[in-house]
């Protein structure tokens, strides 16, 4: 059962606001970020077909370090997989998370690895 708190209401409003503006197309699919307490996951989704094109998780990274360092490595891994899949440009969907910390590190690493945002 989900507890409705003020913080959850703010998070849900932010998530709705972002998702109303961000839509993935065939040319620029949506890069969707999910952040849990233990890991950071990211997917590249074509919203027209409703298919996940590429995905990566910090659990797949063979590296030790802080959560932010693992998010950077996950961004690099995603960019490599996207290049193999033929994806060169994406639209970032940060969900209900602020563009700060792990989310920012992941997106910046993806950008540095050659994926156009």
N, C-alpha and C. Protein backbone atom coordinates (compact mmCIF):
# COMPACT_ATOMS: atom_id res chain seq x y z
N UNK A 1 0.84 -1.17 0.00
CA UNK A 1 0.00 0.00 0.00
C UNK A 1 0.88 1.24 0.00
N UNK A 2 0.62 2.14 -0.90
CA UNK A 2 1.43 3.34 -1.03
C UNK A 2 0.94 4.40 -0.06
N UNK A 3 1.86 4.91 0.73
CA UNK A 3 1.53 5.96 1.69
C UNK A 3 1.58 7.30 0.97
N UNK A 4 0.52 8.07 1.09
CA UNK A 4 0.46 9.38 0.45
C UNK A 4 0.98 10.42 1.41
N UNK A 5 2.16 10.93 1.10
CA UNK A 5 2.75 11.99 1.90
C UNK A 5 2.92 13.22 1.02
N UNK A 6 3.27 14.30 1.62
CA UNK A 6 3.50 15.53 0.86
C UNK A 6 4.63 15.34 -0.14
N UNK A 7 5.70 14.65 0.27
CA UNK A 7 6.84 14.43 -0.62
C UNK A 7 6.43 13.56 -1.81
N UNK A 8 5.61 12.54 -1.59
CA UNK A 8 5.15 11.70 -2.70
C UNK A 8 4.27 12.49 -3.66
N UNK A 9 3.46 13.39 -3.13
CA UNK A 9 2.62 14.22 -4.00
C UNK A 9 3.48 15.13 -4.88
N UNK A 10 4.51 15.72 -4.30
CA UNK A 10 5.42 16.58 -5.07
C UNK A 10 6.12 15.77 -6.15
N UNK A 11 6.58 14.56 -5.79
CA UNK A 11 7.29 13.70 -6.74
C UNK A 11 6.38 13.29 -7.89
N UNK A 12 5.15 12.93 -7.60
CA UNK A 12 4.20 12.54 -8.65
C UNK A 12 3.86 13.70 -9.58
N UNK A 13 3.71 14.90 -9.01
CA UNK A 13 3.43 16.08 -9.84
C UNK A 13 4.59 16.37 -10.77
N UNK A 14 5.82 16.27 -10.25
CA UNK A 14 7.01 16.50 -11.06
C UNK A 14 7.11 15.46 -12.18
N UNK A 15 6.80 14.21 -11.86
CA UNK A 15 6.85 13.14 -12.85
C UNK A 15 5.84 13.39 -13.97
N UNK A 16 4.61 13.77 -13.61
CA UNK A 16 3.58 14.06 -14.62
C UNK A 16 3.98 15.25 -15.50
N UNK A 17 4.56 16.26 -14.88
CA UNK A 17 4.97 17.45 -15.62
C UNK A 17 6.04 17.11 -16.66
N UNK A 18 7.01 16.29 -16.27
CA UNK A 18 8.08 15.91 -17.19
C UNK A 18 7.54 15.02 -18.31
N UNK A 19 6.71 14.04 -17.97
CA UNK A 19 6.22 13.09 -18.98
C UNK A 19 5.25 13.73 -19.96
N UNK A 20 4.57 14.82 -19.57
CA UNK A 20 3.69 15.51 -20.51
C UNK A 20 4.47 16.22 -21.60
N UNK A 21 5.72 16.55 -21.34
CA UNK A 21 6.53 17.29 -22.31
C UNK A 21 7.49 16.41 -23.10
N UNK A 22 7.85 15.26 -22.59
CA UNK A 22 8.87 14.42 -23.21
C UNK A 22 8.22 13.22 -23.88
N UNK A 23 8.44 13.11 -25.19
CA UNK A 23 7.94 11.96 -25.96
C UNK A 23 9.05 11.49 -26.88
N UNK A 24 9.23 10.19 -26.94
CA UNK A 24 10.24 9.63 -27.81
C UNK A 24 9.68 9.36 -29.20
N UNK A 25 10.49 9.58 -30.21
CA UNK A 25 10.12 9.29 -31.58
C UNK A 25 11.09 8.26 -32.15
N UNK A 26 10.91 7.93 -33.41
CA UNK A 26 11.83 6.97 -34.03
C UNK A 26 13.23 7.57 -34.15
N UNK A 27 13.30 8.86 -34.49
CA UNK A 27 14.60 9.50 -34.66
C UNK A 27 15.26 9.84 -33.32
N UNK A 28 14.45 10.23 -32.34
CA UNK A 28 14.96 10.57 -31.02
C UNK A 28 14.16 9.83 -29.94
N UNK A 29 14.54 8.59 -29.65
CA UNK A 29 13.82 7.84 -28.61
C UNK A 29 14.05 8.46 -27.23
N UNK A 30 13.27 8.00 -26.28
CA UNK A 30 13.29 8.55 -24.92
C UNK A 30 14.27 7.76 -24.06
N UNK A 31 15.16 8.48 -23.36
CA UNK A 31 16.09 7.88 -22.42
C UNK A 31 15.46 8.02 -21.03
N UNK A 32 15.00 6.92 -20.48
CA UNK A 32 14.25 6.90 -19.22
C UNK A 32 15.16 6.44 -18.08
N UNK A 33 15.25 7.24 -17.02
CA UNK A 33 16.13 6.96 -15.89
C UNK A 33 15.30 6.48 -14.71
N UNK A 34 15.77 5.41 -14.06
CA UNK A 34 15.16 4.93 -12.82
C UNK A 34 16.26 4.81 -11.78
N UNK A 35 15.99 5.34 -10.62
CA UNK A 35 16.98 5.36 -9.55
C UNK A 35 16.38 4.71 -8.32
N UNK A 36 17.01 3.64 -7.84
CA UNK A 36 16.56 3.02 -6.60
C UNK A 36 17.60 3.28 -5.52
N UNK A 37 17.40 2.73 -4.35
CA UNK A 37 18.36 2.93 -3.27
C UNK A 37 19.69 2.24 -3.57
N UNK A 38 19.66 1.17 -4.36
CA UNK A 38 20.85 0.36 -4.57
C UNK A 38 21.43 0.47 -5.97
N UNK A 39 20.63 0.81 -6.96
CA UNK A 39 21.11 0.78 -8.34
C UNK A 39 20.47 1.89 -9.15
N UNK A 40 21.06 2.13 -10.31
CA UNK A 40 20.52 3.07 -11.27
C UNK A 40 20.31 2.32 -12.58
N UNK A 41 19.10 2.39 -13.13
CA UNK A 41 18.79 1.73 -14.38
C UNK A 41 18.38 2.77 -15.41
N UNK A 42 18.65 2.46 -16.67
CA UNK A 42 18.30 3.39 -17.73
C UNK A 42 17.90 2.59 -18.96
N UNK A 43 16.90 3.10 -19.68
CA UNK A 43 16.41 2.45 -20.90
C UNK A 43 16.26 3.49 -21.99
N UNK A 44 16.43 3.05 -23.21
CA UNK A 44 16.09 3.89 -24.36
C UNK A 44 14.86 3.27 -24.99
N UNK A 45 13.76 4.05 -25.03
CA UNK A 45 12.45 3.53 -25.41
C UNK A 45 11.92 4.26 -26.62
N UNK A 46 11.42 3.50 -27.60
CA UNK A 46 10.71 4.08 -28.74
C UNK A 46 9.23 4.11 -28.36
N UNK A 47 8.70 5.30 -28.08
CA UNK A 47 7.32 5.42 -27.61
C UNK A 47 6.29 5.11 -28.68
N UNK A 48 6.64 5.26 -29.93
CA UNK A 48 5.69 4.98 -31.02
C UNK A 48 5.40 3.49 -31.08
N UNK A 49 6.45 2.67 -31.03
CA UNK A 49 6.27 1.22 -31.04
C UNK A 49 6.03 0.65 -29.65
N UNK A 50 6.41 1.39 -28.62
CA UNK A 50 6.28 0.89 -27.26
C UNK A 50 7.31 -0.17 -26.94
N UNK A 51 8.49 -0.07 -27.52
CA UNK A 51 9.54 -1.08 -27.35
C UNK A 51 10.78 -0.46 -26.70
N UNK A 52 11.44 -1.25 -25.87
CA UNK A 52 12.72 -0.85 -25.31
C UNK A 52 13.81 -1.25 -26.31
N UNK A 53 14.59 -0.27 -26.74
CA UNK A 53 15.64 -0.52 -27.71
C UNK A 53 16.94 -0.96 -27.04
N UNK A 54 17.31 -0.28 -25.96
CA UNK A 54 18.57 -0.55 -25.26
C UNK A 54 18.33 -0.32 -23.77
N UNK A 55 19.00 -1.11 -22.95
CA UNK A 55 18.91 -0.89 -21.50
C UNK A 55 20.26 -1.17 -20.86
N UNK A 56 20.46 -0.58 -19.68
CA UNK A 56 21.67 -0.81 -18.89
C UNK A 56 21.36 -0.56 -17.43
N UNK A 57 22.14 -1.17 -16.56
CA UNK A 57 21.95 -1.01 -15.13
C UNK A 57 23.30 -0.95 -14.44
N UNK A 58 23.35 -0.27 -13.32
CA UNK A 58 24.61 -0.19 -12.58
C UNK A 58 24.99 -1.55 -11.99
N UNK A 59 24.05 -2.47 -11.93
CA UNK A 59 24.36 -3.83 -11.45
C UNK A 59 25.18 -4.61 -12.47
N UNK A 60 25.12 -4.20 -13.74
CA UNK A 60 25.89 -4.88 -14.79
C UNK A 60 27.33 -4.40 -14.85
N UNK A 61 27.62 -3.27 -14.26
CA UNK A 61 28.95 -2.67 -14.33
C UNK A 61 29.89 -3.42 -13.40
N UNK A 62 31.02 -3.84 -13.95
CA UNK A 62 32.01 -4.57 -13.15
C UNK A 62 33.01 -3.57 -12.57
N UNK A 63 32.52 -2.77 -11.62
CA UNK A 63 33.33 -1.71 -11.06
C UNK A 63 32.87 -1.45 -9.63
N UNK A 64 33.77 -1.07 -8.79
CA UNK A 64 33.43 -0.68 -7.41
C UNK A 64 33.49 0.84 -7.32
N UNK A 65 32.75 1.39 -6.40
CA UNK A 65 32.78 2.83 -6.20
C UNK A 65 31.48 3.33 -5.63
N UNK A 66 31.34 4.65 -5.62
CA UNK A 66 30.12 5.25 -5.11
C UNK A 66 29.00 5.08 -6.12
N UNK A 67 27.79 5.40 -5.70
CA UNK A 67 26.65 5.28 -6.59
C UNK A 67 26.78 6.22 -7.77
N UNK A 68 27.36 7.40 -7.56
CA UNK A 68 27.55 8.36 -8.65
C UNK A 68 28.56 7.84 -9.66
N UNK A 69 29.65 7.24 -9.19
CA UNK A 69 30.64 6.66 -10.10
C UNK A 69 30.04 5.51 -10.90
N UNK A 70 29.21 4.69 -10.26
CA UNK A 70 28.55 3.60 -10.96
C UNK A 70 27.56 4.13 -12.00
N UNK A 71 26.90 5.26 -11.69
CA UNK A 71 25.97 5.87 -12.64
C UNK A 71 26.73 6.36 -13.87
N UNK A 72 27.93 6.93 -13.67
CA UNK A 72 28.76 7.36 -14.81
C UNK A 72 29.12 6.17 -15.69
N UNK A 73 29.53 5.08 -15.06
CA UNK A 73 29.90 3.88 -15.82
C UNK A 73 28.68 3.31 -16.55
N UNK A 74 27.51 3.40 -15.94
CA UNK A 74 26.28 2.93 -16.57
C UNK A 74 25.96 3.77 -17.80
N UNK A 75 26.17 5.09 -17.71
CA UNK A 75 25.95 5.97 -18.85
C UNK A 75 26.86 5.64 -20.02
N UNK A 76 28.12 5.33 -19.72
CA UNK A 76 29.07 4.94 -20.78
C UNK A 76 28.65 3.62 -21.41
N UNK A 77 28.23 2.66 -20.58
CA UNK A 77 27.78 1.37 -21.08
C UNK A 77 26.56 1.53 -21.98
N UNK A 78 25.62 2.37 -21.56
CA UNK A 78 24.42 2.61 -22.37
C UNK A 78 24.78 3.24 -23.71
N UNK A 79 25.69 4.20 -23.71
CA UNK A 79 26.09 4.86 -24.95
C UNK A 79 26.72 3.87 -25.93
N UNK A 80 27.53 2.94 -25.42
CA UNK A 80 28.13 1.91 -26.27
C UNK A 80 27.06 1.02 -26.89
N UNK A 81 26.10 0.59 -26.06
CA UNK A 81 25.04 -0.28 -26.56
C UNK A 81 24.13 0.46 -27.54
N UNK A 82 23.90 1.74 -27.29
CA UNK A 82 23.06 2.54 -28.20
C UNK A 82 23.73 2.70 -29.55
N UNK A 83 25.04 2.87 -29.55
CA UNK A 83 25.78 3.01 -30.81
C UNK A 83 25.67 1.73 -31.63
N UNK A 84 25.76 0.58 -30.97
CA UNK A 84 25.61 -0.71 -31.67
C UNK A 84 24.20 -0.88 -32.22
N UNK A 85 23.20 -0.35 -31.49
CA UNK A 85 21.80 -0.47 -31.92
C UNK A 85 21.42 0.57 -32.97
N UNK A 86 22.32 1.51 -33.24
CA UNK A 86 22.04 2.52 -34.26
C UNK A 86 21.31 3.74 -33.74
N UNK A 87 21.32 3.96 -32.44
CA UNK A 87 20.68 5.14 -31.85
C UNK A 87 21.76 6.20 -31.64
N UNK A 88 21.53 7.41 -32.18
CA UNK A 88 22.54 8.46 -32.09
C UNK A 88 22.06 9.67 -31.32
N UNK A 89 20.75 9.83 -31.16
CA UNK A 89 20.19 10.99 -30.44
C UNK A 89 19.00 10.53 -29.61
N UNK A 90 18.87 11.09 -28.42
CA UNK A 90 17.78 10.73 -27.52
C UNK A 90 17.21 11.98 -26.85
N UNK A 91 16.05 11.81 -26.22
CA UNK A 91 15.41 12.83 -25.39
C UNK A 91 15.44 12.29 -23.97
N UNK A 92 15.87 13.09 -23.01
CA UNK A 92 16.04 12.63 -21.63
C UNK A 92 14.75 12.78 -20.85
N UNK A 93 14.33 11.66 -20.23
CA UNK A 93 13.18 11.63 -19.32
C UNK A 93 13.73 11.29 -17.94
N UNK A 94 13.85 12.30 -17.09
CA UNK A 94 14.42 12.09 -15.77
C UNK A 94 13.38 11.59 -14.78
N UNK A 95 12.13 11.51 -15.20
CA UNK A 95 11.07 11.02 -14.34
C UNK A 95 10.80 11.99 -13.21
N UNK A 96 10.67 11.48 -12.01
CA UNK A 96 10.38 12.34 -10.86
C UNK A 96 11.65 12.78 -10.16
N UNK A 97 12.81 12.47 -10.74
CA UNK A 97 14.08 12.78 -10.09
C UNK A 97 14.60 14.13 -10.58
N UNK A 98 15.20 14.87 -9.69
CA UNK A 98 15.81 16.13 -10.07
C UNK A 98 17.06 15.87 -10.89
N UNK A 99 17.38 16.80 -11.77
CA UNK A 99 18.59 16.67 -12.59
C UNK A 99 19.78 17.05 -11.72
N UNK A 100 20.19 16.09 -10.90
CA UNK A 100 21.19 16.35 -9.88
C UNK A 100 21.78 15.03 -9.43
N UNK A 101 23.03 14.99 -9.06
CA UNK A 101 23.63 13.79 -8.49
C UNK A 101 23.79 12.67 -9.49
N UNK A 102 23.21 11.50 -9.17
CA UNK A 102 23.35 10.32 -10.02
C UNK A 102 22.75 10.51 -11.39
N UNK A 103 21.59 11.17 -11.46
CA UNK A 103 20.93 11.37 -12.75
C UNK A 103 21.79 12.26 -13.64
N UNK A 104 22.32 13.32 -13.10
CA UNK A 104 23.17 14.24 -13.86
C UNK A 104 24.45 13.54 -14.30
N UNK A 105 25.07 12.75 -13.41
CA UNK A 105 26.30 12.03 -13.75
C UNK A 105 26.04 11.04 -14.88
N UNK A 106 24.93 10.33 -14.83
CA UNK A 106 24.59 9.36 -15.86
C UNK A 106 24.38 10.05 -17.22
N UNK A 107 23.62 11.12 -17.24
CA UNK A 107 23.32 11.82 -18.50
C UNK A 107 24.58 12.47 -19.06
N UNK A 108 25.41 13.05 -18.20
CA UNK A 108 26.65 13.68 -18.66
C UNK A 108 27.61 12.64 -19.25
N UNK A 109 27.71 11.48 -18.62
CA UNK A 109 28.58 10.42 -19.13
C UNK A 109 28.07 9.90 -20.47
N UNK A 110 26.75 9.83 -20.61
CA UNK A 110 26.17 9.40 -21.88
C UNK A 110 26.48 10.41 -22.98
N UNK A 111 26.38 11.67 -22.64
CA UNK A 111 26.68 12.75 -23.60
C UNK A 111 28.15 12.72 -24.01
N UNK A 112 29.05 12.54 -23.03
CA UNK A 112 30.48 12.51 -23.30
C UNK A 112 30.88 11.31 -24.15
N UNK A 113 30.13 10.23 -24.05
CA UNK A 113 30.43 9.01 -24.81
C UNK A 113 29.92 9.06 -26.24
N UNK A 114 29.30 10.17 -26.64
CA UNK A 114 28.94 10.33 -28.04
C UNK A 114 27.46 10.32 -28.36
N UNK A 115 26.60 10.11 -27.39
CA UNK A 115 25.17 10.11 -27.64
C UNK A 115 24.66 11.55 -27.59
N UNK A 116 23.96 11.98 -28.61
CA UNK A 116 23.47 13.35 -28.68
C UNK A 116 22.18 13.48 -27.90
N UNK A 117 22.13 14.52 -27.04
CA UNK A 117 20.94 14.73 -26.21
C UNK A 117 20.25 16.01 -26.59
